[in-house]
Amino acid sequence: MLKSLIFIGLLVSSVGFHSIKGHANAQKPALKDLSQVCEADRYNQPIGEFSVDVYCDDTPIIGPYSLTQRTWQGGDWAFSITSFMWGNDRKSLYVATEGYNGTGKAYYLDIETQTSQEVWSTSPGDCGSVLTGMNDKNITLATIPCDGKQPRNIEITIPKN
């Protein structure tokens, strides 16, 4: 019998081999008993490329999320990410991608409504960008030139929510 009424949620996900390899020293056991104490964490498969994310909460869920659907992944912004940055409004996430396997664009994500908007796209000679900071009005990113030349900084106006 669980000692608390806290919802314990599981999310099974595939993680790349390189992600697991880097966490070899922090490997979790193959058997995890959560009946007495819930320990929120990512538990990598001891041999393989999957993981289980454990959530220990009963937080109200907003937008299209639910207790059994806690993640949002998909769209052009979701792969080959060079950097990400949280906005100051608690619902914004900015993501930049590289141009070889990704789109070479930067995106604004409204994580409450699961909507995204492209905010920057590569110019000829650029292979993507890296987010470097923000202030009250602008996001700053550095371009990734394909030819290895110096990156240039670009400021983009923060999208209106």
Protein backbone atom coordinates (compact mmCIF):
# COMPACT_ATOMS: atom_id res chain seq x y z
CA MET A 1 0.00 0.00 0.00
CA LEU A 2 1.34 3.43 -0.92
CA LYS A 3 2.08 5.68 2.02
CA SER A 4 0.91 8.77 0.15
CA LEU A 5 -1.74 9.73 -2.35
CA ILE A 6 0.78 11.28 -4.71
CA PHE A 7 0.28 10.25 -8.34
CA ILE A 8 3.22 8.29 -9.67
CA GLY A 9 3.42 8.70 -13.42
CA LEU A 10 5.65 6.84 -15.83
CA LEU A 11 6.83 7.88 -19.25
CA VAL A 12 8.74 5.34 -21.35
CA SER A 13 11.04 6.94 -23.88
CA SER A 14 13.78 6.00 -26.29
CA VAL A 15 17.11 7.65 -25.60
CA GLY A 16 20.11 7.59 -27.86
CA PHE A 17 23.00 5.30 -27.02
CA HIS A 18 25.27 8.29 -26.50
CA SER A 19 22.86 9.70 -23.91
CA ILE A 20 22.97 6.49 -21.90
CA LYS A 21 26.71 5.96 -22.29
CA GLY A 22 27.40 9.34 -20.65
CA HIS A 23 25.39 8.33 -17.57
CA ALA A 24 27.02 4.93 -16.96
CA ASN A 25 28.18 5.89 -13.46
CA ALA A 26 24.68 7.06 -12.50
CA GLN A 27 22.97 3.84 -13.65
CA LYS A 28 19.77 3.05 -11.78
CA PRO A 29 18.83 -0.52 -10.79
CA ALA A 30 16.76 -2.78 -13.06
CA LEU A 31 14.10 -3.14 -10.34
CA LYS A 32 12.70 -0.02 -8.69
CA ASP A 33 10.15 -0.24 -5.85
CA LEU A 34 8.12 2.98 -5.64
CA SER A 35 5.52 1.66 -3.21
CA GLN A 36 7.03 3.32 -0.12
CA VAL A 37 8.87 6.37 -1.49
CA CYS A 38 8.55 7.92 -4.92
CA GLU A 39 11.83 9.13 -6.40
CA ALA A 40 11.29 11.28 -9.47
CA ASP A 41 14.07 10.66 -11.95
CA ARG A 42 14.99 9.18 -15.32
CA TYR A 43 15.78 5.47 -15.02
CA ASN A 44 17.81 4.23 -17.98
CA GLN A 45 17.47 0.64 -19.11
CA PRO A 46 20.56 -1.22 -17.77
CA ILE A 47 21.20 -2.79 -21.19
CA GLY A 48 19.45 -1.04 -24.05
CA GLU A 49 18.34 2.33 -25.28
CA PHE A 50 15.13 3.09 -23.37
CA SER A 51 14.33 4.92 -20.18
CA VAL A 52 11.46 5.44 -17.78
CA ASP A 53 10.76 8.93 -16.43
CA VAL A 54 9.05 8.84 -13.04
CA TYR A 55 6.92 11.77 -11.88
CA CYS A 56 5.90 12.11 -8.23
CA ASP A 57 3.23 14.78 -8.12
CA ASP A 58 -0.41 15.59 -8.31
CA THR A 59 0.07 18.99 -9.86
CA PRO A 60 -2.85 20.46 -11.80
CA ILE A 61 -2.26 19.85 -15.49
CA ILE A 62 -2.75 22.72 -17.95
CA GLY A 63 -3.48 22.87 -21.65
CA PRO A 64 -3.41 19.66 -23.68
CA TYR A 65 -1.32 17.81 -21.04
CA SER A 66 -2.77 15.16 -18.74
CA LEU A 67 -1.49 12.87 -15.99
CA THR A 68 -0.77 10.19 -18.59
CA GLN A 69 0.29 12.52 -21.44
CA ARG A 70 3.01 14.75 -20.00
CA THR A 71 5.30 15.34 -22.95
CA TRP A 72 5.19 17.33 -26.15
CA GLN A 73 7.48 16.32 -28.94
CA GLY A 74 7.16 16.70 -32.64
CA GLY A 75 7.43 19.25 -35.34
CA ASP A 76 10.49 20.78 -36.93
CA TRP A 77 11.82 22.14 -33.62
CA ALA A 78 12.14 18.74 -31.93
CA PHE A 79 15.35 17.36 -33.43
CA SER A 80 18.97 18.34 -33.93
CA ILE A 81 18.73 21.05 -31.27
CA THR A 82 21.79 23.23 -30.68
CA SER A 83 20.37 25.08 -27.66
CA PHE A 84 17.24 25.92 -25.73
CA MET A 85 16.32 28.74 -23.39
CA TRP A 86 13.35 29.28 -21.07
CA GLY A 87 11.45 32.56 -21.37
CA ASN A 88 10.66 34.77 -18.40
CA ASP A 89 6.89 34.23 -18.58
CA ARG A 90 6.91 30.59 -17.36
CA LYS A 91 5.33 29.31 -20.58
CA SER A 92 7.86 30.15 -23.30
CA LEU A 93 10.67 27.97 -24.55
CA TYR A 94 13.03 29.01 -27.34
CA VAL A 95 14.79 26.30 -29.38
CA ALA A 96 17.51 26.60 -32.04
CA THR A 97 18.42 23.80 -34.47
CA GLU A 98 21.37 23.09 -36.71
CA GLY A 99 21.05 22.85 -40.45
CA TYR A 100 22.47 19.42 -41.33
CA ASN A 101 19.96 17.14 -39.61
CA GLY A 102 17.65 19.87 -38.34
CA THR A 103 15.93 22.78 -40.03
CA GLY A 104 18.56 25.42 -39.24
CA LYS A 105 15.89 27.59 -37.62
CA ALA A 106 14.99 29.03 -34.23
CA TYR A 107 11.54 28.61 -32.71
CA TYR A 108 9.32 30.06 -30.02
CA LEU A 109 7.28 27.38 -28.24
CA ASP A 110 4.25 28.14 -26.08
CA ILE A 111 4.46 25.12 -23.80
CA GLU A 112 1.02 25.67 -22.25
CA THR A 113 -0.84 25.48 -25.56
CA GLN A 114 1.67 23.32 -27.46
CA THR A 115 2.00 25.80 -30.31
CA SER A 116 5.21 26.80 -32.05
CA GLN A 117 6.33 29.65 -34.24
CA GLU A 118 9.47 30.03 -36.35
CA VAL A 119 11.38 33.16 -35.26
CA TRP A 120 14.57 32.87 -37.33
CA SER A 121 15.80 30.97 -40.38
CA THR A 122 19.31 30.46 -41.74
CA SER A 123 20.68 32.71 -44.42
CA PRO A 124 22.86 31.40 -47.25
CA GLY A 125 26.18 30.32 -45.71
CA ASP A 126 24.68 29.63 -42.26
CA CYS A 127 24.27 26.12 -40.87
CA GLY A 128 22.11 26.97 -37.88
CA SER A 129 22.27 29.04 -34.74
CA VAL A 130 22.87 28.90 -30.99
CA LEU A 131 20.77 30.87 -28.50
CA THR A 132 23.00 33.04 -26.34
CA GLY A 133 20.67 35.17 -24.19
CA MET A 134 17.71 37.47 -23.93
CA ASN A 135 16.55 40.72 -22.40
CA ASP A 136 13.05 42.19 -21.94
CA LYS A 137 12.54 42.75 -25.67
CA ASN A 138 14.94 40.54 -27.64
CA ILE A 139 16.35 37.05 -28.00
CA THR A 140 20.03 36.91 -28.96
CA LEU A 141 21.47 34.14 -31.06
CA ALA A 142 24.79 33.49 -32.76
CA THR A 143 24.80 32.11 -36.28
CA ILE A 144 26.76 28.95 -37.09
CA PRO A 145 28.58 29.65 -40.40
CA CYS A 146 29.02 26.58 -42.60
CA ASP A 147 32.52 27.66 -43.64
CA GLY A 148 33.89 27.95 -40.08
CA LYS A 149 34.09 31.75 -40.13
CA GLN A 150 33.20 33.89 -37.14
CA PRO A 151 29.59 33.65 -35.95
CA ARG A 152 27.56 36.83 -35.97
CA ASN A 153 25.11 37.85 -33.27
CA ILE A 154 21.51 38.54 -34.20
CA GLU A 155 18.76 40.02 -32.04
CA ILE A 156 15.18 38.92 -32.62
CA THR A 157 12.15 40.60 -31.12
CA ILE A 158 10.41 38.36 -28.59
CA PRO A 159 7.11 37.20 -30.10
CA LYS A 160 3.87 38.49 -28.61
CA ASN A 161 2.02 35.76 -26.73
